[in-house]
Amino acid sequence: MADIHDVGAARCSLIRLGNTMENLLGNFLGTPVWMWASFLLGVFVLLALDLGILNKKSEQMSVAKSLKLSAFYIALGLGFGIFVWQQLGSESAFLYVTGFVVEKSLAIDNVFVIAMIFAAFNIPTQYQHRVLFWGILGVILLRAIMIGFGAAIVENYSWVLYVFAAFLVFTGVKMLQAGDAGHNLEDNKLLSFVRERLKFSDKLDGAKFFTKVKSEDGKLKSVATPLFAALILVELADLIFAIDSIPAIFAITTDPFIVFTSNIFAILGLRALYFALAAMIERFKYLKVALAVLLIFIGSKIFIADWIGLTKFPPLVSLTITFTILASGVFYSLYRTRTKVAH
């Protein structure tokens, strides 16, 4: 009897092991595990390349290099859409590209805030890339956590999508009311909080986040530098921006793989894009209005689909409208600010 029991237990163990291997080699959140693993490996390689090779030294990135790197990351992000098409079909590919374009566009608004954070702490250009790298690494981890929670909530409470949609419409309307007004950090509560609560030195110590200073009793103590204060504020700023971007991508698709990959690819090129946009922020003065219209569209299309009796808004139509809105904002901004370049 003992032998029969042992054989039965061993068989159950083998079955459990087989099921585990099947899950590992099968799907995770509806997408093959090898696709998740390939994507994460690619992200790791890109981050290692970025910090270990392309920006090993603290030096100012030229606008030309910034544009080349930005083009590379954008091409990589769009190229991943072809991979999605091959593996998951055309509809998933359209949803991915729409999500990527929307998240990239919302990230541009984030760039303007980051530029003002660096200005507030007087961070030299040659040290900004280090803050951006670690900031973006933190953003990736933060977005992964938020997307995971968001996916779980949407899976169990589908009505939350309507809350997201209404929130996006509300946010877009508020942005339209603000018009093309820029961000202002002078009276920002987060900036005041960081300056009051975080003890940091008045001077930079190269590219270090922490340095040693003498206390009143003559002993050396470790304090944060303004570089670290800027990093904290960049992370907090992205947390605020995520409140818009996470509902926006879930309003486009609830597929966790599409949501996560489009978000991360949009963020990966943010550091490179920053140095190009920071040099010509004034040329995109009216882009915020286009982003407001885009948020209103993304939020309202869920209600429009219900109103006309569709299970979902057509992905290709959504992608076309998204491109049209953003292209109009970019070209209008460049047109209205052309005289500044001429002078």
C-alpha atoms as a PDB file:
ATOM      1  CA  MET A   1       0.000   0.000   0.000  1.00  0.00           C
ATOM      2  CA  ALA A   2       2.874   2.309   0.827  1.00  0.00           C
ATOM      3  CA  ASP A   3       4.428   1.640  -2.587  1.00  0.00           C
ATOM      4  CA  ILE A   4       1.145   2.403  -4.335  1.00  0.00           C
ATOM      5  CA  HIS A   5       0.835   5.611  -2.332  1.00  0.00           C
ATOM      6  CA  ASP A   6       4.407   6.604  -3.209  1.00  0.00           C
ATOM      7  CA  VAL A   7       3.820   5.913  -6.898  1.00  0.00           C
ATOM      8  CA  GLY A   8       0.628   7.988  -6.778  1.00  0.00           C
ATOM      9  CA  ALA A   9       2.398  10.865  -5.056  1.00  0.00           C
ATOM     10  CA  ALA A  10       5.240  10.733  -7.566  1.00  0.00           C
ATOM     11  CA  ARG A  11       2.749  10.731 -10.434  1.00  0.00           C
ATOM     12  CA  CYS A  12       0.986  13.794  -8.977  1.00  0.00           C
ATOM     13  CA  SER A  13       4.330  15.538  -8.611  1.00  0.00           C
ATOM     14  CA  LEU A  14       5.171  14.812 -12.245  1.00  0.00           C
ATOM     15  CA  ILE A  15       1.778  16.098 -13.362  1.00  0.00           C
ATOM     16  CA  ARG A  16       2.267  19.316 -11.359  1.00  0.00           C
ATOM     17  CA  LEU A  17       5.768  19.701 -12.805  1.00  0.00           C
ATOM     18  CA  GLY A  18       4.368  19.140 -16.301  1.00  0.00           C
ATOM     19  CA  ASN A  19       1.670  21.746 -15.751  1.00  0.00           C
ATOM     20  CA  THR A  20       4.264  24.204 -14.452  1.00  0.00           C
ATOM     21  CA  MET A  21       6.499  23.667 -17.486  1.00  0.00           C
ATOM     22  CA  GLU A  22       3.477  24.010 -19.774  1.00  0.00           C
ATOM     23  CA  ASN A  23       2.634  27.345 -18.166  1.00  0.00           C
ATOM     24  CA  LEU A  24       6.225  28.541 -18.381  1.00  0.00           C
ATOM     25  CA  LEU A  25       6.516  27.542 -22.028  1.00  0.00           C
ATOM     26  CA  GLY A  26       2.938  28.491 -22.805  1.00  0.00           C
ATOM     27  CA  ASN A  27       1.160  31.777 -22.193  1.00  0.00           C
ATOM     28  CA  PHE A  28       1.450  34.494 -19.602  1.00  0.00           C
ATOM     29  CA  LEU A  29      -1.468  36.944 -19.486  1.00  0.00           C
ATOM     30  CA  GLY A  30      -2.622  35.702 -22.868  1.00  0.00           C
ATOM     31  CA  THR A  31       0.725  36.073 -24.671  1.00  0.00           C
ATOM     32  CA  PRO A  32       3.443  33.415 -25.242  1.00  0.00           C
ATOM     33  CA  VAL A  33       6.098  33.499 -22.524  1.00  0.00           C
ATOM     34  CA  TRP A  34       8.914  33.566 -25.090  1.00  0.00           C
ATOM     35  CA  MET A  35       7.576  36.887 -26.411  1.00  0.00           C
ATOM     36  CA  TRP A  36       7.659  38.397 -22.917  1.00  0.00           C
ATOM     37  CA  ALA A  37      11.153  37.022 -22.339  1.00  0.00           C
ATOM     38  CA  SER A  38      12.433  38.286 -25.695  1.00  0.00           C
ATOM     39  CA  PHE A  39      11.059  41.760 -25.072  1.00  0.00           C
ATOM     40  CA  LEU A  40      12.515  42.011 -21.553  1.00  0.00           C
ATOM     41  CA  LEU A  41      15.892  40.761 -22.788  1.00  0.00           C
ATOM     42  CA  GLY A  42      15.842  43.402 -25.530  1.00  0.00           C
ATOM     43  CA  VAL A  43      15.052  46.126 -22.980  1.00  0.00           C
ATOM     44  CA  PHE A  44      17.932  44.962 -20.768  1.00  0.00           C
ATOM     45  CA  VAL A  45      20.355  45.044 -23.709  1.00  0.00           C
ATOM     46  CA  LEU A  46      19.225  48.543 -24.702  1.00  0.00           C
ATOM     47  CA  LEU A  47      19.628  49.870 -21.154  1.00  0.00           C
ATOM     48  CA  ALA A  48      23.082  48.283 -20.831  1.00  0.00           C
ATOM     49  CA  LEU A  49      24.082  49.742 -24.195  1.00  0.00           C
ATOM     50  CA  ASP A  50      22.760  53.161 -23.225  1.00  0.00           C
ATOM     51  CA  LEU A  51      24.625  53.460 -19.943  1.00  0.00           C
ATOM     52  CA  GLY A  52      27.621  51.211 -20.542  1.00  0.00           C
ATOM     53  CA  ILE A  53      28.652  52.268 -24.051  1.00  0.00           C
ATOM     54  CA  LEU A  54      26.803  55.259 -25.491  1.00  0.00           C
ATOM     55  CA  ASN A  55      26.955  57.430 -22.362  1.00  0.00           C
ATOM     56  CA  LYS A  56      29.753  56.003 -20.249  1.00  0.00           C
ATOM     57  CA  LYS A  57      31.237  59.448 -19.686  1.00  0.00           C
ATOM     58  CA  SER A  58      29.482  62.515 -18.317  1.00  0.00           C
ATOM     59  CA  GLU A  59      29.324  64.776 -21.335  1.00  0.00           C
ATOM     60  CA  GLN A  60      26.788  66.942 -23.071  1.00  0.00           C
ATOM     61  CA  MET A  61      24.798  65.196 -25.789  1.00  0.00           C
ATOM     62  CA  SER A  62      24.592  67.188 -28.991  1.00  0.00           C
ATOM     63  CA  VAL A  63      21.261  67.834 -30.685  1.00  0.00           C
ATOM     64  CA  ALA A  64      22.470  65.867 -33.727  1.00  0.00           C
ATOM     65  CA  LYS A  65      23.277  62.793 -31.619  1.00  0.00           C
ATOM     66  CA  SER A  66      20.006  63.197 -29.754  1.00  0.00           C
ATOM     67  CA  LEU A  67      18.031  63.233 -32.997  1.00  0.00           C
ATOM     68  CA  LYS A  68      19.855  60.164 -34.312  1.00  0.00           C
ATOM     69  CA  LEU A  69      19.245  58.218 -31.108  1.00  0.00           C
ATOM     70  CA  SER A  70      15.614  59.362 -31.031  1.00  0.00           C
ATOM     71  CA  ALA A  71      15.126  58.191 -34.621  1.00  0.00           C
ATOM     72  CA  PHE A  72      16.704  54.847 -33.700  1.00  0.00           C
ATOM     73  CA  TYR A  73      14.380  54.323 -30.712  1.00  0.00           C
ATOM     74  CA  ILE A  74      11.300  55.411 -32.664  1.00  0.00           C
ATOM     75  CA  ALA A  75      12.221  53.082 -35.546  1.00  0.00           C
ATOM     76  CA  LEU A  76      12.794  50.283 -33.039  1.00  0.00           C
ATOM     77  CA  GLY A  77       9.432  50.938 -31.401  1.00  0.00           C
ATOM     78  CA  LEU A  78       7.579  50.977 -34.712  1.00  0.00           C
ATOM     79  CA  GLY A  79       9.558  47.966 -35.932  1.00  0.00           C
ATOM     80  CA  PHE A  80       8.321  46.037 -32.918  1.00  0.00           C
ATOM     81  CA  GLY A  81       4.844  46.683 -34.303  1.00  0.00           C
ATOM     82  CA  ILE A  82       5.770  44.533 -37.318  1.00  0.00           C
ATOM     83  CA  PHE A  83       6.810  41.761 -34.934  1.00  0.00           C
ATOM     84  CA  VAL A  84       3.469  42.085 -33.144  1.00  0.00           C
ATOM     85  CA  TRP A  85       1.682  41.897 -36.519  1.00  0.00           C
ATOM     86  CA  GLN A  86       3.508  38.677 -37.403  1.00  0.00           C
ATOM     87  CA  GLN A  87       2.873  37.019 -34.054  1.00  0.00           C
ATOM     88  CA  LEU A  88      -0.493  38.383 -32.905  1.00  0.00           C
ATOM     89  CA  GLY A  89      -2.175  39.706 -36.038  1.00  0.00           C
ATOM     90  CA  SER A  90      -2.951  43.051 -37.677  1.00  0.00           C
ATOM     91  CA  GLU A  91      -5.481  44.240 -35.089  1.00  0.00           C
ATOM     92  CA  SER A  92      -2.978  43.831 -32.246  1.00  0.00           C
ATOM     93  CA  ALA A  93      -0.363  45.612 -34.350  1.00  0.00           C
ATOM     94  CA  PHE A  94      -2.650  48.611 -34.965  1.00  0.00           C
ATOM     95  CA  LEU A  95      -3.457  48.781 -31.263  1.00  0.00           C
ATOM     96  CA  TYR A  96       0.245  48.588 -30.370  1.00  0.00           C
ATOM     97  CA  VAL A  97       1.233  51.380 -32.771  1.00  0.00           C
ATOM     98  CA  THR A  98      -1.649  53.565 -31.547  1.00  0.00           C
ATOM     99  CA  GLY A  99      -0.588  52.987 -27.949  1.00  0.00           C
ATOM    100  CA  PHE A 100       3.047  53.670 -28.785  1.00  0.00           C
ATOM    101  CA  VAL A 101       2.228  56.935 -30.568  1.00  0.00           C
ATOM    102  CA  VAL A 102      -0.068  58.119 -27.772  1.00  0.00           C
ATOM    103  CA  GLU A 103       2.403  57.255 -24.999  1.00  0.00           C
ATOM    104  CA  LYS A 104       5.283  58.849 -26.926  1.00  0.00           C
ATOM    105  CA  SER A 105       3.252  62.016 -27.378  1.00  0.00           C
ATOM    106  CA  LEU A 106       2.313  62.201 -23.704  1.00  0.00           C
ATOM    107  CA  ALA A 107       5.979  61.641 -22.832  1.00  0.00           C
ATOM    108  CA  ILE A 108       6.868  64.778 -24.802  1.00  0.00           C
ATOM    109  CA  ASP A 109       4.874  66.862 -22.329  1.00  0.00           C
ATOM    110  CA  ASN A 110       6.881  65.156 -19.602  1.00  0.00           C
ATOM    111  CA  VAL A 111      10.090  66.325 -21.286  1.00  0.00           C
ATOM    112  CA  PHE A 112       9.114  69.972 -20.826  1.00  0.00           C
ATOM    113  CA  VAL A 113       8.613  69.437 -17.086  1.00  0.00           C
ATOM    114  CA  ILE A 114      11.959  67.630 -16.779  1.00  0.00           C
ATOM    115  CA  ALA A 115      13.683  70.573 -18.464  1.00  0.00           C
ATOM    116  CA  MET A 116      12.254  72.919 -15.847  1.00  0.00           C
ATOM    117  CA  ILE A 117      13.288  70.575 -13.013  1.00  0.00           C
ATOM    118  CA  PHE A 118      16.882  70.692 -14.252  1.00  0.00           C
ATOM    119  CA  ALA A 119      16.674  74.475 -14.508  1.00  0.00           C
ATOM    120  CA  ALA A 120      15.270  74.750 -10.956  1.00  0.00           C
ATOM    121  CA  PHE A 121      18.242  72.801  -9.541  1.00  0.00           C
ATOM    122  CA  ASN A 122      20.808  74.292 -11.939  1.00  0.00           C
ATOM    123  CA  ILE A 123      21.854  70.881 -13.266  1.00  0.00           C
ATOM    124  CA  PRO A 124      24.532  71.226 -15.992  1.00  0.00           C
ATOM    125  CA  THR A 125      23.768  69.526 -19.305  1.00  0.00           C
ATOM    126  CA  GLN A 126      26.667  67.064 -19.006  1.00  0.00           C
ATOM    127  CA  TYR A 127      25.141  65.542 -15.841  1.00  0.00           C
ATOM    128  CA  GLN A 128      21.539  65.465 -16.997  1.00  0.00           C
ATOM    129  CA  HIS A 129      21.844  62.191 -18.912  1.00  0.00           C
ATOM    130  CA  ARG A 130      22.690  60.309 -15.665  1.00  0.00           C
ATOM    131  CA  VAL A 131      19.558  61.600 -13.955  1.00  0.00           C
ATOM    132  CA  LEU A 132      17.526  60.724 -17.028  1.00  0.00           C
ATOM    133  CA  PHE A 133      18.912  57.190 -17.257  1.00  0.00           C
ATOM    134  CA  TRP A 134      18.214  56.264 -13.642  1.00  0.00           C
ATOM    135  CA  GLY A 135      14.976  58.214 -13.761  1.00  0.00           C
ATOM    136  CA  ILE A 136      13.777  56.258 -16.790  1.00  0.00           C
ATOM    137  CA  LEU A 137      14.856  52.985 -15.180  1.00  0.00           C
ATOM    138  CA  GLY A 138      12.695  53.890 -12.185  1.00  0.00           C
ATOM    139  CA  VAL A 139       9.871  54.891 -14.505  1.00  0.00           C
ATOM    140  CA  ILE A 140       9.984  51.481 -16.221  1.00  0.00           C
ATOM    141  CA  LEU A 141       9.656  49.671 -12.885  1.00  0.00           C
ATOM    142  CA  LEU A 142       6.905  52.044 -11.762  1.00  0.00           C
ATOM    143  CA  ARG A 143       4.940  51.630 -14.996  1.00  0.00           C
ATOM    144  CA  ALA A 144       5.279  47.839 -14.799  1.00  0.00           C
ATOM    145  CA  ILE A 145       3.744  47.844 -11.323  1.00  0.00           C
ATOM    146  CA  MET A 146       0.965  50.264 -12.280  1.00  0.00           C
ATOM    147  CA  ILE A 147       0.139  48.358 -15.479  1.00  0.00           C
ATOM    148  CA  GLY A 148       0.035  45.095 -13.531  1.00  0.00           C
ATOM    149  CA  PHE A 149      -2.435  46.550 -11.041  1.00  0.00           C
ATOM    150  CA  GLY A 150      -4.397  48.198 -13.844  1.00  0.00           C
ATOM    151  CA  ALA A 151      -4.668  44.954 -15.802  1.00  0.00           C
ATOM    152  CA  ALA A 152      -5.894  43.089 -12.719  1.00  0.00           C
ATOM    153  CA  ILE A 153      -8.496  45.757 -11.969  1.00  0.00           C
ATOM    154  CA  VAL A 154      -9.777  45.922 -15.563  1.00  0.00           C
ATOM    155  CA  GLU A 155      -9.914  42.110 -15.761  1.00  0.00           C
ATOM    156  CA  ASN A 156     -12.149  41.889 -12.700  1.00  0.00           C
ATOM    157  CA  TYR A 157     -14.048  45.176 -13.012  1.00  0.00           C
ATOM    158  CA  SER A 158     -14.569  46.013 -16.693  1.00  0.00           C
ATOM    159  CA  TRP A 159     -16.670  49.072 -15.792  1.00  0.00           C
ATOM    160  CA  VAL A 160     -13.449  50.751 -14.623  1.00  0.00           C
ATOM    161  CA  LEU A 161     -12.672  51.400 -18.313  1.00  0.00           C
ATOM    162  CA  TYR A 162     -15.575  53.849 -18.409  1.00  0.00           C
ATOM    163  CA  VAL A 163     -14.143  55.609 -15.366  1.00  0.00           C
ATOM    164  CA  PHE A 164     -10.777  55.832 -17.147  1.00  0.00           C
ATOM    165  CA  ALA A 165     -12.494  57.168 -20.264  1.00  0.00           C
ATOM    166  CA  ALA A 166     -14.444  59.829 -18.378  1.00  0.00           C
ATOM    167  CA  PHE A 167     -11.270  60.857 -16.552  1.00  0.00           C
ATOM    168  CA  LEU A 168      -9.404  61.278 -19.861  1.00  0.00           C
ATOM    169  CA  VAL A 169     -12.172  63.445 -21.298  1.00  0.00           C
ATOM    170  CA  PHE A 170     -12.168  65.560 -18.121  1.00  0.00           C
ATOM    171  CA  THR A 171      -8.372  65.907 -18.219  1.00  0.00           C
ATOM    172  CA  GLY A 172      -8.437  66.863 -21.891  1.00  0.00           C
ATOM    173  CA  VAL A 173     -11.064  69.544 -21.297  1.00  0.00           C
ATOM    174  CA  LYS A 174      -9.030  70.982 -18.406  1.00  0.00           C
ATOM    175  CA  MET A 175      -5.929  71.080 -20.633  1.00  0.00           C
ATOM    176  CA  LEU A 176      -7.898  72.866 -23.355  1.00  0.00           C
ATOM    177  CA  GLN A 177      -9.065  75.456 -20.847  1.00  0.00           C
ATOM    178  CA  ALA A 178      -5.435  76.034 -19.893  1.00  0.00           C
ATOM    179  CA  GLY A 179      -4.622  76.539 -23.582  1.00  0.00           C
ATOM    180  CA  ASP A 180      -0.965  76.708 -24.587  1.00  0.00           C
ATOM    181  CA  ALA A 181       0.143  77.869 -21.153  1.00  0.00           C
ATOM    182  CA  GLY A 182       3.366  76.223 -20.108  1.00  0.00           C
ATOM    183  CA  HIS A 183       4.217  74.485 -16.871  1.00  0.00           C
ATOM    184  CA  ASN A 184       5.316  76.588 -13.927  1.00  0.00           C
ATOM    185  CA  LEU A 185       7.497  75.208 -11.150  1.00  0.00           C
ATOM    186  CA  GLU A 186       7.870  78.359  -9.130  1.00  0.00           C
ATOM    187  CA  ASP A 187       4.997  77.533  -6.770  1.00  0.00           C
ATOM    188  CA  ASN A 188       5.037  73.760  -7.297  1.00  0.00           C
ATOM    189  CA  LYS A 189       4.232  71.877  -4.081  1.00  0.00           C
ATOM    190  CA  LEU A 190       6.400  68.884  -4.992  1.00  0.00           C
ATOM    191  CA  LEU A 191       9.407  71.133  -5.553  1.00  0.00           C
ATOM    192  CA  SER A 192       8.812  72.846  -2.215  1.00  0.00           C
ATOM    193  CA  PHE A 193       8.420  69.477  -0.483  1.00  0.00           C
ATOM    194  CA  VAL A 194      11.691  68.135  -1.894  1.00  0.00           C
ATOM    195  CA  ARG A 195      13.590  71.291  -0.987  1.00  0.00           C
ATOM    196  CA  GLU A 196      12.229  71.327   2.586  1.00  0.00           C
ATOM    197  CA  ARG A 197      12.299  67.618   3.460  1.00  0.00           C
ATOM    198  CA  LEU A 198      15.374  66.328   1.650  1.00  0.00           C
ATOM    199  CA  LYS A 199      18.681  67.459   3.054  1.00  0.00           C
ATOM    200  CA  PHE A 200      21.040  68.059   0.170  1.00  0.00           C
ATOM    201  CA  SER A 201      24.156  70.090  -0.425  1.00  0.00           C
ATOM    202  CA  ASP A 202      24.084  73.427  -2.183  1.00  0.00           C
ATOM    203  CA  LYS A 203      26.745  72.351  -4.658  1.00  0.00           C
ATOM    204  CA  LEU A 204      27.143  69.490  -7.080  1.00  0.00           C
ATOM    205  CA  ASP A 205      29.877  66.900  -6.677  1.00  0.00           C
ATOM    206  CA  GLY A 206      30.379  65.893 -10.271  1.00  0.00           C
ATOM    207  CA  ALA A 207      27.880  63.243 -11.333  1.00  0.00           C
ATOM    208  CA  LYS A 208      27.452  61.903  -7.785  1.00  0.00           C
ATOM    209  CA  PHE A 209      24.038  61.570  -6.161  1.00  0.00           C
ATOM    210  CA  PHE A 210      25.546  61.762  -2.652  1.00  0.00           C
ATOM    211  CA  THR A 211      28.544  63.586  -1.227  1.00  0.00           C
ATOM    212  CA  LYS A 212      30.323  64.166   2.084  1.00  0.00           C
ATOM    213  CA  VAL A 213      30.050  67.499   3.911  1.00  0.00           C
ATOM    214  CA  LYS A 214      31.214  68.681   7.302  1.00  0.00           C
ATOM    215  CA  SER A 215      28.558  69.020   9.978  1.00  0.00           C
ATOM    216  CA  GLU A 216      28.563  71.647  12.735  1.00  0.00           C
ATOM    217  CA  ASP A 217      30.587  69.341  15.001  1.00  0.00           C
ATOM    218  CA  GLY A 218      33.250  68.924  12.326  1.00  0.00           C
ATOM    219  CA  LYS A 219      32.316  65.360  11.368  1.00  0.00           C
ATOM    220  CA  LEU A 220      31.745  64.267   7.793  1.00  0.00           C
ATOM    221  CA  LYS A 221      28.222  63.216   6.948  1.00  0.00           C
ATOM    222  CA  SER A 222      26.636  61.945   3.754  1.00  0.00           C
ATOM    223  CA  VAL A 223      24.046  64.188   2.124  1.00  0.00           C
ATOM    224  CA  ALA A 224      22.259  64.184  -1.205  1.00  0.00           C
ATOM    225  CA  THR A 225      23.385  66.458  -4.004  1.00  0.00           C
ATOM    226  CA  PRO A 226      21.036  68.590  -6.130  1.00  0.00           C
ATOM    227  CA  LEU A 227      21.431  65.841  -8.760  1.00  0.00           C
ATOM    228  CA  PHE A 228      19.635  63.368  -6.490  1.00  0.00           C
ATOM    229  CA  ALA A 229      16.958  65.926  -5.639  1.00  0.00           C
ATOM    230  CA  ALA A 230      16.325  66.364  -9.366  1.00  0.00           C
ATOM    231  CA  LEU A 231      16.081  62.567  -9.760  1.00  0.00           C
ATOM    232  CA  ILE A 232      13.469  62.334  -6.999  1.00  0.00           C
ATOM    233  CA  LEU A 233      11.421  65.098  -8.588  1.00  0.00           C
ATOM    234  CA  VAL A 234      11.648  63.477 -12.040  1.00  0.00           C
ATOM    235  CA  GLU A 235      10.267  60.239 -10.575  1.00  0.00           C
ATOM    236  CA  LEU A 236       7.453  62.088  -8.786  1.00  0.00           C
ATOM    237  CA  ALA A 237       6.634  64.015 -11.959  1.00  0.00           C
ATOM    238  CA  ASP A 238       6.317  60.762 -13.919  1.00  0.00           C
ATOM    239  CA  LEU A 239       4.054  59.343 -11.231  1.00  0.00           C
ATOM    240  CA  ILE A 240       1.730  62.271 -11.870  1.00  0.00           C
ATOM    241  CA  PHE A 241       1.974  61.863 -15.654  1.00  0.00           C
ATOM    242  CA  ALA A 242       1.222  58.149 -15.313  1.00  0.00           C
ATOM    243  CA  ILE A 243      -2.196  59.087 -13.954  1.00  0.00           C
ATOM    244  CA  ASP A 244      -3.000  60.248 -17.501  1.00  0.00           C
ATOM    245  CA  SER A 245      -0.956  57.788 -19.563  1.00  0.00           C
ATOM    246  CA  ILE A 246      -2.038  54.538 -17.885  1.00  0.00           C
ATOM    247  CA  PRO A 247      -5.793  55.181 -18.338  1.00  0.00           C
ATOM    248  CA  ALA A 248      -5.050  56.341 -21.901  1.00  0.00           C
ATOM    249  CA  ILE A 249      -3.409  53.089 -22.942  1.00  0.00           C
ATOM    250  CA  PHE A 250      -6.082  50.958 -21.243  1.00  0.00           C
ATOM    251  CA  ALA A 251      -8.711  52.969 -23.113  1.00  0.00           C
ATOM    252  CA  ILE A 252      -6.976  51.843 -26.333  1.00  0.00           C
ATOM    253  CA  THR A 253      -6.495  48.170 -25.428  1.00  0.00           C
ATOM    254  CA  THR A 254      -6.667  45.939 -22.358  1.00  0.00           C
ATOM    255  CA  ASP A 255      -4.123  43.416 -23.680  1.00  0.00           C
ATOM    256  CA  PRO A 256      -1.357  43.462 -20.998  1.00  0.00           C
ATOM    257  CA  PHE A 257       1.397  42.688 -23.505  1.00  0.00           C
ATOM    258  CA  ILE A 258       0.387  45.520 -25.849  1.00  0.00           C
ATOM    259  CA  VAL A 259      -0.109  47.897 -22.931  1.00  0.00           C
ATOM    260  CA  PHE A 260       3.292  47.122 -21.378  1.00  0.00           C
ATOM    261  CA  THR A 261       5.420  46.998 -24.543  1.00  0.00           C
ATOM    262  CA  SER A 262       3.990  50.189 -26.063  1.00  0.00           C
ATOM    263  CA  ASN A 263       4.531  52.010 -22.774  1.00  0.00           C
ATOM    264  CA  ILE A 264       8.112  50.827 -22.311  1.00  0.00           C
ATOM    265  CA  PHE A 265       9.164  51.470 -25.915  1.00  0.00           C
ATOM    266  CA  ALA A 266       7.786  55.013 -25.629  1.00  0.00           C
ATOM    267  CA  ILE A 267       9.762  55.580 -22.426  1.00  0.00           C
ATOM    268  CA  LEU A 268      13.037  54.014 -23.631  1.00  0.00           C
ATOM    269  CA  GLY A 269      13.711  56.762 -26.138  1.00  0.00           C
ATOM    270  CA  LEU A 270      12.688  59.561 -23.782  1.00  0.00           C
ATOM    271  CA  ARG A 271      16.239  60.261 -22.596  1.00  0.00           C
ATOM    272  CA  ALA A 272      17.527  60.667 -26.148  1.00  0.00           C
ATOM    273  CA  LEU A 273      14.487  62.702 -27.180  1.00  0.00           C
ATOM    274  CA  TYR A 274      14.915  65.046 -24.223  1.00  0.00           C
ATOM    275  CA  PHE A 275      18.139  66.658 -25.450  1.00  0.00           C
ATOM    276  CA  ALA A 276      16.647  67.429 -28.870  1.00  0.00           C
ATOM    277  CA  LEU A 277      13.352  68.792 -27.541  1.00  0.00           C
ATOM    278  CA  ALA A 278      14.957  70.739 -24.689  1.00  0.00           C
ATOM    279  CA  ALA A 279      16.883  72.732 -27.278  1.00  0.00           C
ATOM    280  CA  MET A 280      13.710  73.725 -29.138  1.00  0.00           C
ATOM    281  CA  ILE A 281      10.916  73.661 -26.567  1.00  0.00           C
ATOM    282  CA  GLU A 282       9.480  76.917 -27.895  1.00  0.00           C
ATOM    283  CA  ARG A 283       8.887  75.331 -31.321  1.00  0.00           C
ATOM    284  CA  PHE A 284       6.277  72.971 -29.803  1.00  0.00           C
ATOM    285  CA  LYS A 285       4.392  75.620 -27.873  1.00  0.00           C
ATOM    286  CA  TYR A 286       0.935  74.494 -29.086  1.00  0.00           C
ATOM    287  CA  LEU A 287       1.454  70.741 -28.875  1.00  0.00           C
ATOM    288  CA  LYS A 288      -0.275  70.670 -25.487  1.00  0.00           C
ATOM    289  CA  VAL A 289      -3.550  71.649 -27.165  1.00  0.00           C
ATOM    290  CA  ALA A 290      -3.227  68.702 -29.559  1.00  0.00           C
ATOM    291  CA  LEU A 291      -2.543  66.378 -26.618  1.00  0.00           C
ATOM    292  CA  ALA A 292      -5.697  67.670 -24.915  1.00  0.00           C
ATOM    293  CA  VAL A 293      -7.775  66.911 -28.026  1.00  0.00           C
ATOM    294  CA  LEU A 294      -6.131  63.476 -28.227  1.00  0.00           C
ATOM    295  CA  LEU A 295      -7.073  62.637 -24.634  1.00  0.00           C
ATOM    296  CA  ILE A 296     -10.664  63.709 -25.281  1.00  0.00           C
ATOM    297  CA  PHE A 297     -10.782  61.498 -28.388  1.00  0.00           C
ATOM    298  CA  ILE A 298      -9.302  58.454 -26.628  1.00  0.00           C
ATOM    299  CA  GLY A 299     -11.723  58.812 -23.750  1.00  0.00           C
ATOM    300  CA  SER A 300     -14.806  59.471 -25.868  1.00  0.00           C
ATOM    301  CA  LYS A 301     -14.259  56.658 -28.395  1.00  0.00           C
ATOM    302  CA  ILE A 302     -15.307  54.062 -25.811  1.00  0.00           C
ATOM    303  CA  PHE A 303     -18.657  55.809 -25.419  1.00  0.00           C
ATOM    304  CA  ILE A 304     -18.920  56.354 -29.189  1.00  0.00           C
ATOM    305  CA  ALA A 305     -18.384  52.639 -29.844  1.00  0.00           C
ATOM    306  CA  ASP A 306     -21.201  51.778 -27.422  1.00  0.00           C
ATOM    307  CA  TRP A 307     -23.447  54.425 -28.939  1.00  0.00           C
ATOM    308  CA  ILE A 308     -23.110  53.089 -32.510  1.00  0.00           C
ATOM    309  CA  GLY A 309     -23.321  49.469 -31.381  1.00  0.00           C
ATOM    310  CA  LEU A 310     -19.682  48.372 -31.797  1.00  0.00           C
ATOM    311  CA  THR A 311     -17.843  46.094 -29.390  1.00  0.00           C
ATOM    312  CA  LYS A 312     -14.753  48.258 -29.874  1.00  0.00           C
ATOM    313  CA  PHE A 313     -13.644  51.281 -31.884  1.00  0.00           C
ATOM    314  CA  PRO A 314     -11.940  50.162 -35.174  1.00  0.00           C
ATOM    315  CA  PRO A 315      -8.148  50.079 -34.462  1.00  0.00           C
ATOM    316  CA  LEU A 316      -7.133  51.394 -37.896  1.00  0.00           C
ATOM    317  CA  VAL A 317      -9.570  54.329 -37.645  1.00  0.00           C
ATOM    318  CA  SER A 318      -8.303  55.087 -34.143  1.00  0.00           C
ATOM    319  CA  LEU A 319      -4.677  55.051 -35.329  1.00  0.00           C
ATOM    320  CA  THR A 320      -5.481  57.342 -38.280  1.00  0.00           C
ATOM    321  CA  ILE A 321      -7.286  59.899 -36.102  1.00  0.00           C
ATOM    322  CA  THR A 322      -4.462  59.789 -33.529  1.00  0.00           C
ATOM    323  CA  PHE A 323      -1.830  60.519 -36.183  1.00  0.00           C
ATOM    324  CA  THR A 324      -3.962  63.303 -37.661  1.00  0.00           C
ATOM    325  CA  ILE A 325      -4.451  65.059 -34.304  1.00  0.00           C
ATOM    326  CA  LEU A 326      -0.766  64.897 -33.361  1.00  0.00           C
ATOM    327  CA  ALA A 327       0.509  65.842 -36.824  1.00  0.00           C
ATOM    328  CA  SER A 328      -1.817  68.864 -36.823  1.00  0.00           C
ATOM    329  CA  GLY A 329      -0.464  69.954 -33.428  1.00  0.00           C
ATOM    330  CA  VAL A 330       3.165  69.584 -34.520  1.00  0.00           C
ATOM    331  CA  PHE A 331       2.779  71.378 -37.852  1.00  0.00           C
ATOM    332  CA  TYR A 332       0.681  74.161 -36.347  1.00  0.00           C
ATOM    333  CA  SER A 333       3.287  74.697 -33.627  1.00  0.00           C
ATOM    334  CA  LEU A 334       6.127  74.806 -36.164  1.00  0.00           C
ATOM    335  CA  TYR A 335       4.133  77.204 -38.355  1.00  0.00           C
ATOM    336  CA  ARG A 336       3.212  79.609 -35.553  1.00  0.00           C
ATOM    337  CA  THR A 337       6.791  79.717 -34.185  1.00  0.00           C
ATOM    338  CA  ARG A 338       8.558  80.023 -37.560  1.00  0.00           C
ATOM    339  CA  THR A 339       9.241  83.754 -37.039  1.00  0.00           C
ATOM    340  CA  LYS A 340      11.280  83.011 -33.889  1.00  0.00           C
ATOM    341  CA  VAL A 341      13.600  80.814 -35.909  1.00  0.00           C
ATOM    342  CA  ALA A 342      13.895  83.416 -38.636  1.00  0.00           C
ATOM    343  CA  HIS A 343      15.025  85.989 -36.095  1.00  0.00           C
END
